Amino acid sequence: MARVLLMGLFSLDVLLKSNVKGGVSKLDSSAERRQALDPRILQALQAAVVNQFPTAKEADVRKSINRRICELRHQVKRKSVENL
């Protein structure tokens, strides 16, 4: 549910430049610094998921969001390579 709501609440451009907390990449220190997603929108998204699924943990929701953002970046990168 969080992955679907994420796509409706944030534009693709914002998602590609962001992650849940913001900051530098732990895997690539030369990568561009990520902006944090809007905390109010993020909190509303987490509340909606936990309300719908009471056993869901907020940490798991955040992981799911970051994972979806990572997948989006990979898809965009792969499309860019294919177009070369």
PDB file of N, CA and C in Angstrom:
ATOM      1  N   MET A   1       0.825  -1.192   0.000  1.00  0.00           N
ATOM      2  CA  MET A   1       0.000   0.000   0.000  1.00  0.00           C
ATOM      3  C   MET A   1       0.875   1.263   0.000  1.00  0.00           C
ATOM      4  N   ALA A   2       1.945   1.230   0.798  1.00  0.00           N
ATOM      5  CA  ALA A   2       2.822   2.403   0.887  1.00  0.00           C
ATOM      6  C   ALA A   2       3.436   2.727  -0.469  1.00  0.00           C
ATOM      7  N   ARG A   3       3.793   1.688  -1.215  1.00  0.00           N
ATOM      8  CA  ARG A   3       4.439   1.884  -2.514  1.00  0.00           C
ATOM      9  C   ARG A   3       3.490   2.557  -3.504  1.00  0.00           C
ATOM     10  N   VAL A   4       2.215   2.203  -3.446  1.00  0.00           N
ATOM     11  CA  VAL A   4       1.218   2.800  -4.347  1.00  0.00           C
ATOM     12  C   VAL A   4       0.929   4.237  -3.934  1.00  0.00           C
ATOM     13  N   LEU A   5       0.725   4.454  -2.640  1.00  0.00           N
ATOM     14  CA  LEU A   5       0.461   5.810  -2.157  1.00  0.00           C
ATOM     15  C   LEU A   5       1.632   6.749  -2.458  1.00  0.00           C
ATOM     16  N   LEU A   6       2.837   6.235  -2.333  1.00  0.00           N
ATOM     17  CA  LEU A   6       4.035   7.031  -2.585  1.00  0.00           C
ATOM     18  C   LEU A   6       4.000   7.663  -3.972  1.00  0.00           C
ATOM     19  N   MET A   7       3.617   6.855  -4.956  1.00  0.00           N
ATOM     20  CA  MET A   7       3.592   7.333  -6.338  1.00  0.00           C
ATOM     21  C   MET A   7       2.516   8.402  -6.555  1.00  0.00           C
ATOM     22  N   GLY A   8       1.460   8.375  -5.753  1.00  0.00           N
ATOM     23  CA  GLY A   8       0.406   9.373  -5.872  1.00  0.00           C
ATOM     24  C   GLY A   8       0.688  10.651  -5.106  1.00  0.00           C
ATOM     25  N   LEU A   9       1.521  10.555  -4.081  1.00  0.00           N
ATOM     26  CA  LEU A   9       1.767  11.712  -3.221  1.00  0.00           C
ATOM     27  C   LEU A   9       2.976  12.538  -3.631  1.00  0.00           C
ATOM     28  N   PHE A  10       3.915  11.931  -4.343  1.00  0.00           N
ATOM     29  CA  PHE A  10       5.134  12.628  -4.741  1.00  0.00           C
ATOM     30  C   PHE A  10       5.339  12.490  -6.243  1.00  0.00           C
ATOM     31  N   SER A  11       5.885  13.516  -6.859  1.00  0.00           N
ATOM     32  CA  SER A  11       6.198  13.441  -8.285  1.00  0.00           C
ATOM     33  C   SER A  11       7.429  12.556  -8.489  1.00  0.00           C
ATOM     34  N   LEU A  12       7.577  12.052  -9.693  1.00  0.00           N
ATOM     35  CA  LEU A  12       8.732  11.208 -10.015  1.00  0.00           C
ATOM     36  C   LEU A  12      10.032  11.976  -9.816  1.00  0.00           C
ATOM     37  N   ASP A  13      10.054  13.249 -10.202  1.00  0.00           N
ATOM     38  CA  ASP A  13      11.266  14.067 -10.026  1.00  0.00           C
ATOM     39  C   ASP A  13      11.671  14.159  -8.556  1.00  0.00           C
ATOM     40  N   VAL A  14      10.704  14.372  -7.687  1.00  0.00           N
ATOM     41  CA  VAL A  14      11.004  14.463  -6.252  1.00  0.00           C
ATOM     42  C   VAL A  14      11.526  13.129  -5.746  1.00  0.00           C
ATOM     43  N   LEU A  15      10.902  12.027  -6.153  1.00  0.00           N
ATOM     44  CA  LEU A  15      11.317  10.715  -5.690  1.00  0.00           C
ATOM     45  C   LEU A  15      12.729  10.363  -6.146  1.00  0.00           C
ATOM     46  N   LEU A  16      13.078  10.743  -7.355  1.00  0.00           N
ATOM     47  CA  LEU A  16      14.408  10.420  -7.873  1.00  0.00           C
ATOM     48  C   LEU A  16      15.516  11.179  -7.152  1.00  0.00           C
ATOM     49  N   LYS A  17      15.182  12.318  -6.552  1.00  0.00           N
ATOM     50  CA  LYS A  17      16.177  13.133  -5.863  1.00  0.00           C
ATOM     51  C   LYS A  17      16.141  12.959  -4.349  1.00  0.00           C
ATOM     52  N   SER A  18      15.277  12.071  -3.852  1.00  0.00           N
ATOM     53  CA  SER A  18      15.040  11.987  -2.417  1.00  0.00           C
ATOM     54  C   SER A  18      15.140  10.567  -1.884  1.00  0.00           C
ATOM     55  N   ASN A  19      15.064  10.481  -0.567  1.00  0.00           N
ATOM     56  CA  ASN A  19      14.798   9.236   0.144  1.00  0.00           C
ATOM     57  C   ASN A  19      14.105   9.617   1.441  1.00  0.00           C
ATOM     58  N   VAL A  20      13.832   8.650   2.298  1.00  0.00           N
ATOM     59  CA  VAL A  20      13.032   8.937   3.484  1.00  0.00           C
ATOM     60  C   VAL A  20      13.710   9.962   4.391  1.00  0.00           C
ATOM     61  N   LYS A  21      14.974   9.774   4.707  1.00  0.00           N
ATOM     62  CA  LYS A  21      15.679  10.656   5.643  1.00  0.00           C
ATOM     63  C   LYS A  21      16.498  11.747   4.977  1.00  0.00           C
ATOM     64  N   GLY A  22      16.909  11.541   3.727  1.00  0.00           N
ATOM     65  CA  GLY A  22      17.825  12.477   3.088  1.00  0.00           C
ATOM     66  C   GLY A  22      19.255  12.125   3.457  1.00  0.00           C
ATOM     67  N   GLY A  23      20.201  12.840   2.899  1.00  0.00           N
ATOM     68  CA  GLY A  23      21.605  12.625   3.245  1.00  0.00           C
ATOM     69  C   GLY A  23      22.398  11.982   2.129  1.00  0.00           C
ATOM     70  N   VAL A  24      23.629  11.638   2.444  1.00  0.00           N
ATOM     71  CA  VAL A  24      24.531  11.051   1.462  1.00  0.00           C
ATOM     72  C   VAL A  24      24.339   9.545   1.391  1.00  0.00           C
ATOM     73  N   SER A  25      24.714   8.982   0.272  1.00  0.00           N
ATOM     74  CA  SER A  25      24.613   7.544   0.068  1.00  0.00           C
ATOM     75  C   SER A  25      25.654   6.818   0.914  1.00  0.00           C
ATOM     76  N   LYS A  26      25.245   5.719   1.519  1.00  0.00           N
ATOM     77  CA  LYS A  26      26.187   4.903   2.279  1.00  0.00           C
ATOM     78  C   LYS A  26      26.988   3.998   1.359  1.00  0.00           C
ATOM     79  N   LEU A  27      26.482   3.796   0.141  1.00  0.00           N
ATOM     80  CA  LEU A  27      27.150   2.919  -0.815  1.00  0.00           C
ATOM     81  C   LEU A  27      28.087   3.674  -1.747  1.00  0.00           C
ATOM     82  N   ASP A  28      27.748   4.909  -2.075  1.00  0.00           N
ATOM     83  CA  ASP A  28      28.548   5.693  -3.022  1.00  0.00           C
ATOM     84  C   ASP A  28      28.716   7.107  -2.476  1.00  0.00           C
ATOM     85  N   SER A  29      29.836   7.359  -1.846  1.00  0.00           N
ATOM     86  CA  SER A  29      30.053   8.669  -1.226  1.00  0.00           C
ATOM     87  C   SER A  29      30.161   9.803  -2.243  1.00  0.00           C
ATOM     88  N   SER A  30      30.401   9.482  -3.500  1.00  0.00           N
ATOM     89  CA  SER A  30      30.483  10.521  -4.519  1.00  0.00           C
ATOM     90  C   SER A  30      29.117  10.824  -5.138  1.00  0.00           C
ATOM     91  N   ALA A  31      28.101  10.076  -4.763  1.00  0.00           N
ATOM     92  CA  ALA A  31      26.759  10.285  -5.307  1.00  0.00           C
ATOM     93  C   ALA A  31      26.178  11.593  -4.782  1.00  0.00           C
ATOM     94  N   GLU A  32      25.230  12.114  -5.525  1.00  0.00           N
ATOM     95  CA  GLU A  32      24.557  13.353  -5.147  1.00  0.00           C
ATOM     96  C   GLU A  32      23.819  13.172  -3.821  1.00  0.00           C
ATOM     97  N   ARG A  33      23.855  14.189  -2.982  1.00  0.00           N
ATOM     98  CA  ARG A  33      23.167  14.154  -1.690  1.00  0.00           C
ATOM     99  C   ARG A  33      21.658  14.132  -1.922  1.00  0.00           C
ATOM    100  N   ARG A  34      20.966  13.246  -1.252  1.00  0.00           N
ATOM    101  CA  ARG A  34      19.515  13.109  -1.384  1.00  0.00           C
ATOM    102  C   ARG A  34      18.796  14.056  -0.429  1.00  0.00           C
ATOM    103  N   GLN A  35      17.666  14.582  -0.882  1.00  0.00           N
ATOM    104  CA  GLN A  35      16.811  15.409  -0.042  1.00  0.00           C
ATOM    105  C   GLN A  35      15.845  14.496   0.709  1.00  0.00           C
ATOM    106  N   ALA A  36      15.440  14.888   1.891  1.00  0.00           N
ATOM    107  CA  ALA A  36      14.445  14.123   2.645  1.00  0.00           C
ATOM    108  C   ALA A  36      13.063  14.392   2.063  1.00  0.00           C
ATOM    109  N   LEU A  37      12.236  13.361   2.037  1.00  0.00           N
ATOM    110  CA  LEU A  37      10.854  13.551   1.617  1.00  0.00           C
ATOM    111  C   LEU A  37      10.138  14.426   2.646  1.00  0.00           C
ATOM    112  N   ASP A  38       9.097  15.115   2.210  1.00  0.00           N
ATOM    113  CA  ASP A  38       8.328  15.995   3.090  1.00  0.00           C
ATOM    114  C   ASP A  38       7.839  15.188   4.303  1.00  0.00           C
ATOM    115  N   PRO A  39       8.269  15.549   5.509  1.00  0.00           N
ATOM    116  CA  PRO A  39       7.930  14.748   6.685  1.00  0.00           C
ATOM    117  C   PRO A  39       6.428  14.695   6.996  1.00  0.00           C
ATOM    118  N   ARG A  40       5.692  15.768   6.675  1.00  0.00           N
ATOM    119  CA  ARG A  40       4.245  15.759   6.938  1.00  0.00           C
ATOM    120  C   ARG A  40       3.535  14.759   6.038  1.00  0.00           C
ATOM    121  N   ILE A  41       3.894  14.756   4.763  1.00  0.00           N
ATOM    122  CA  ILE A  41       3.286  13.822   3.819  1.00  0.00           C
ATOM    123  C   ILE A  41       3.701  12.400   4.169  1.00  0.00           C
ATOM    124  N   LEU A  42       4.954  12.225   4.498  1.00  0.00           N
ATOM    125  CA  LEU A  42       5.471  10.914   4.861  1.00  0.00           C
ATOM    126  C   LEU A  42       4.766  10.361   6.103  1.00  0.00           C
ATOM    127  N   GLN A  43       4.556  11.215   7.096  1.00  0.00           N
ATOM    128  CA  GLN A  43       3.864  10.788   8.320  1.00  0.00           C
ATOM    129  C   GLN A  43       2.421  10.405   8.015  1.00  0.00           C
ATOM    130  N   ALA A  44       1.760  11.162   7.143  1.00  0.00           N
ATOM    131  CA  ALA A  44       0.380  10.837   6.763  1.00  0.00           C
ATOM    132  C   ALA A  44       0.326   9.499   6.032  1.00  0.00           C
ATOM    133  N   LEU A  45       1.289   9.259   5.162  1.00  0.00           N
ATOM    134  CA  LEU A  45       1.358   7.992   4.434  1.00  0.00           C
ATOM    135  C   LEU A  45       1.549   6.836   5.418  1.00  0.00           C
ATOM    136  N   GLN A  46       2.482   6.974   6.337  1.00  0.00           N
ATOM    137  CA  GLN A  46       2.737   5.926   7.326  1.00  0.00           C
ATOM    138  C   GLN A  46       1.506   5.685   8.198  1.00  0.00           C
ATOM    139  N   ALA A  47       0.832   6.748   8.600  1.00  0.00           N
ATOM    140  CA  ALA A  47      -0.364   6.616   9.428  1.00  0.00           C
ATOM    141  C   ALA A  47      -1.470   5.876   8.676  1.00  0.00           C
ATOM    142  N   ALA A  48      -1.620   6.166   7.394  1.00  0.00           N
ATOM    143  CA  ALA A  48      -2.641   5.496   6.587  1.00  0.00           C
ATOM    144  C   ALA A  48      -2.353   4.002   6.480  1.00  0.00           C
ATOM    145  N   VAL A  49      -1.094   3.659   6.267  1.00  0.00           N
ATOM    146  CA  VAL A  49      -0.724   2.242   6.146  1.00  0.00           C
ATOM    147  C   VAL A  49      -0.936   1.522   7.477  1.00  0.00           C
ATOM    148  N   VAL A  50      -0.481   2.121   8.569  1.00  0.00           N
ATOM    149  CA  VAL A  50      -0.626   1.494   9.884  1.00  0.00           C
ATOM    150  C   VAL A  50      -2.105   1.413  10.280  1.00  0.00           C
ATOM    151  N   ASN A  51      -2.899   2.403   9.884  1.00  0.00           N
ATOM    152  CA  ASN A  51      -4.329   2.372  10.166  1.00  0.00           C
ATOM    153  C   ASN A  51      -4.999   1.217   9.421  1.00  0.00           C
ATOM    154  N   GLN A  52      -4.598   1.019   8.180  1.00  0.00           N
ATOM    155  CA  GLN A  52      -5.169  -0.058   7.362  1.00  0.00           C
ATOM    156  C   GLN A  52      -4.631  -1.423   7.780  1.00  0.00           C
ATOM    157  N   PHE A  53      -3.367  -1.472   8.157  1.00  0.00           N
ATOM    158  CA  PHE A  53      -2.702  -2.721   8.549  1.00  0.00           C
ATOM    159  C   PHE A  53      -2.063  -2.528   9.925  1.00  0.00           C
ATOM    160  N   PRO A  54      -2.808  -2.721  10.988  1.00  0.00           N
ATOM    161  CA  PRO A  54      -2.320  -2.426  12.350  1.00  0.00           C
ATOM    162  C   PRO A  54      -1.046  -3.175  12.752  1.00  0.00           C
ATOM    163  N   THR A  55      -0.766  -4.295  12.145  1.00  0.00           N
ATOM    164  CA  THR A  55       0.459  -5.023  12.506  1.00  0.00           C
ATOM    165  C   THR A  55       1.688  -4.502  11.766  1.00  0.00           C
ATOM    166  N   ALA A  56       1.489  -3.592  10.826  1.00  0.00           N
ATOM    167  CA  ALA A  56       2.620  -3.028  10.068  1.00  0.00           C
ATOM    168  C   ALA A  56       3.467  -2.155  10.990  1.00  0.00           C
ATOM    169  N   LYS A  57       4.768  -2.272  10.841  1.00  0.00           N
ATOM    170  CA  LYS A  57       5.699  -1.459  11.626  1.00  0.00           C
ATOM    171  C   LYS A  57       6.138  -0.272  10.772  1.00  0.00           C
ATOM    172  N   GLU A  58       6.277   0.873  11.410  1.00  0.00           N
ATOM    173  CA  GLU A  58       6.682   2.072  10.669  1.00  0.00           C
ATOM    174  C   GLU A  58       8.047   1.889  10.031  1.00  0.00           C
ATOM    175  N   ALA A  59       8.935   1.179  10.688  1.00  0.00           N
ATOM    176  CA  ALA A  59      10.272   0.936  10.116  1.00  0.00           C
ATOM    177  C   ALA A  59      10.153   0.144   8.812  1.00  0.00           C
ATOM    178  N   ASP A  60       9.244  -0.823   8.767  1.00  0.00           N
ATOM    179  CA  ASP A  60       9.045  -1.602   7.547  1.00  0.00           C
ATOM    180  C   ASP A  60       8.435  -0.753   6.436  1.00  0.00           C
ATOM    181  N   VAL A  61       7.570   0.169   6.807  1.00  0.00           N
ATOM    182  CA  VAL A  61       6.978   1.084   5.813  1.00  0.00           C
ATOM    183  C   VAL A  61       8.071   1.962   5.223  1.00  0.00           C
ATOM    184  N   ARG A  62       8.950   2.504   6.069  1.00  0.00           N
ATOM    185  CA  ARG A  62      10.055   3.343   5.584  1.00  0.00           C
ATOM    186  C   ARG A  62      10.988   2.557   4.668  1.00  0.00           C
ATOM    187  N   LYS A  63      11.296   1.313   5.044  1.00  0.00           N
ATOM    188  CA  LYS A  63      12.143   0.471   4.191  1.00  0.00           C
ATOM    189  C   LYS A  63      11.497   0.239   2.842  1.00  0.00           C
ATOM    190  N   SER A  64      10.206  -0.005   2.854  1.00  0.00           N
ATOM    191  CA  SER A  64       9.470  -0.237   1.610  1.00  0.00           C
ATOM    192  C   SER A  64       9.510   0.994   0.711  1.00  0.00           C
ATOM    193  N   ILE A  65       9.375   2.154   1.315  1.00  0.00           N
ATOM    194  CA  ILE A  65       9.420   3.412   0.554  1.00  0.00           C
ATOM    195  C   ILE A  65      10.802   3.593  -0.069  1.00  0.00           C
ATOM    196  N   ASN A  66      11.850   3.439   0.725  1.00  0.00           N
ATOM    197  CA  ASN A  66      13.206   3.592   0.194  1.00  0.00           C
ATOM    198  C   ASN A  66      13.502   2.566  -0.891  1.00  0.00           C
ATOM    199  N   ARG A  67      13.007   1.348  -0.705  1.00  0.00           N
ATOM    200  CA  ARG A  67      13.218   0.297  -1.698  1.00  0.00           C
ATOM    201  C   ARG A  67      12.539   0.679  -3.021  1.00  0.00           C
ATOM    202  N   ARG A  68      11.330   1.219  -2.947  1.00  0.00           N
ATOM    203  CA  ARG A  68      10.608   1.622  -4.158  1.00  0.00           C
ATOM    204  C   ARG A  68      11.346   2.763  -4.865  1.00  0.00           C
ATOM    205  N   ILE A  69      11.857   3.709  -4.109  1.00  0.00           N
ATOM    206  CA  ILE A  69      12.607   4.821  -4.700  1.00  0.00           C
ATOM    207  C   ILE A  69      13.855   4.294  -5.399  1.00  0.00           C
ATOM    208  N   CYS A  70      14.538   3.364  -4.786  1.00  0.00           N
ATOM    209  CA  CYS A  70      15.724   2.745  -5.381  1.00  0.00           C
ATOM    210  C   CYS A  70      15.359   2.046  -6.690  1.00  0.00           C
ATOM    211  N   GLU A  71      14.247   1.328  -6.697  1.00  0.00           N
ATOM    212  CA  GLU A  71      13.793   0.659  -7.917  1.00  0.00           C
ATOM    213  C   GLU A  71      13.502   1.671  -9.022  1.00  0.00           C
ATOM    214  N   LEU A  72      12.883   2.788  -8.668  1.00  0.00           N
ATOM    215  CA  LEU A  72      12.588   3.834  -9.656  1.00  0.00           C
ATOM    216  C   LEU A  72      13.871   4.378 -10.269  1.00  0.00           C
ATOM    217  N   ARG A  73      14.863   4.651  -9.421  1.00  0.00           N
ATOM    218  CA  ARG A  73      16.148   5.153  -9.938  1.00  0.00           C
ATOM    219  C   ARG A  73      16.778   4.141 -10.888  1.00  0.00           C
ATOM    220  N   HIS A  74      16.717   2.876 -10.528  1.00  0.00           N
ATOM    221  CA  HIS A  74      17.283   1.823 -11.371  1.00  0.00           C
ATOM    222  C   HIS A  74      16.554   1.759 -12.714  1.00  0.00           C
ATOM    223  N   GLN A  75      15.227   1.864 -12.687  1.00  0.00           N
ATOM    224  CA  GLN A  75      14.446   1.830 -13.930  1.00  0.00           C
ATOM    225  C   GLN A  75      14.797   3.004 -14.836  1.00  0.00           C
ATOM    226  N   VAL A  76      14.919   4.182 -14.261  1.00  0.00           N
ATOM    227  CA  VAL A  76      15.250   5.373 -15.046  1.00  0.00           C
ATOM    228  C   VAL A  76      16.656   5.244 -15.618  1.00  0.00           C
ATOM    229  N   LYS A  77      17.585   4.759 -14.807  1.00  0.00           N
ATOM    230  CA  LYS A  77      18.963   4.586 -15.261  1.00  0.00           C
ATOM    231  C   LYS A  77      19.035   3.568 -16.399  1.00  0.00           C
ATOM    232  N   ARG A  78      18.304   2.473 -16.264  1.00  0.00           N
ATOM    233  CA  ARG A  78      18.299   1.430 -17.292  1.00  0.00           C
ATOM    234  C   ARG A  78      17.699   1.961 -18.603  1.00  0.00           C
ATOM    235  N   LYS A  79      16.648   2.763 -18.521  1.00  0.00           N
ATOM    236  CA  LYS A  79      16.040   3.345 -19.722  1.00  0.00           C
ATOM    237  C   LYS A  79      17.005   4.311 -20.399  1.00  0.00           C
ATOM    238  N   SER A  80      17.768   5.048 -19.600  1.00  0.00           N
ATOM    239  CA  SER A  80      18.749   5.989 -20.168  1.00  0.00           C
ATOM    240  C   SER A  80      19.829   5.248 -20.917  1.00  0.00           C
ATOM    241  N   VAL A  81      20.283   4.134 -20.389  1.00  0.00           N
ATOM    242  CA  VAL A  81      21.326   3.324 -21.041  1.00  0.00           C
ATOM    243  C   VAL A  81      20.788   2.706 -22.313  1.00  0.00           C
ATOM    244  N   GLU A  82      19.557   2.241 -22.293  1.00  0.00           N
ATOM    245  CA  GLU A  82      18.960   1.621 -23.470  1.00  0.00           C
ATOM    246  C   GLU A  82      18.783   2.615 -24.622  1.00  0.00           C
ATOM    247  N   ASN A  83      18.593   3.878 -24.294  1.00  0.00           N
ATOM    248  CA  ASN A  83      18.378   4.896 -25.321  1.00  0.00           C
ATOM    249  C   ASN A  83      19.680   5.385 -25.960  1.00  0.00           C
ATOM    250  N   LEU A  84      20.803   4.972 -25.440  1.00  0.00           N
ATOM    251  CA  LEU A  84      22.083   5.405 -26.020  1.00  0.00           C
ATOM    252  C   LEU A  84      22.405   4.672 -27.286  1.00  0.00           C
TER     253      LEU A  84
END
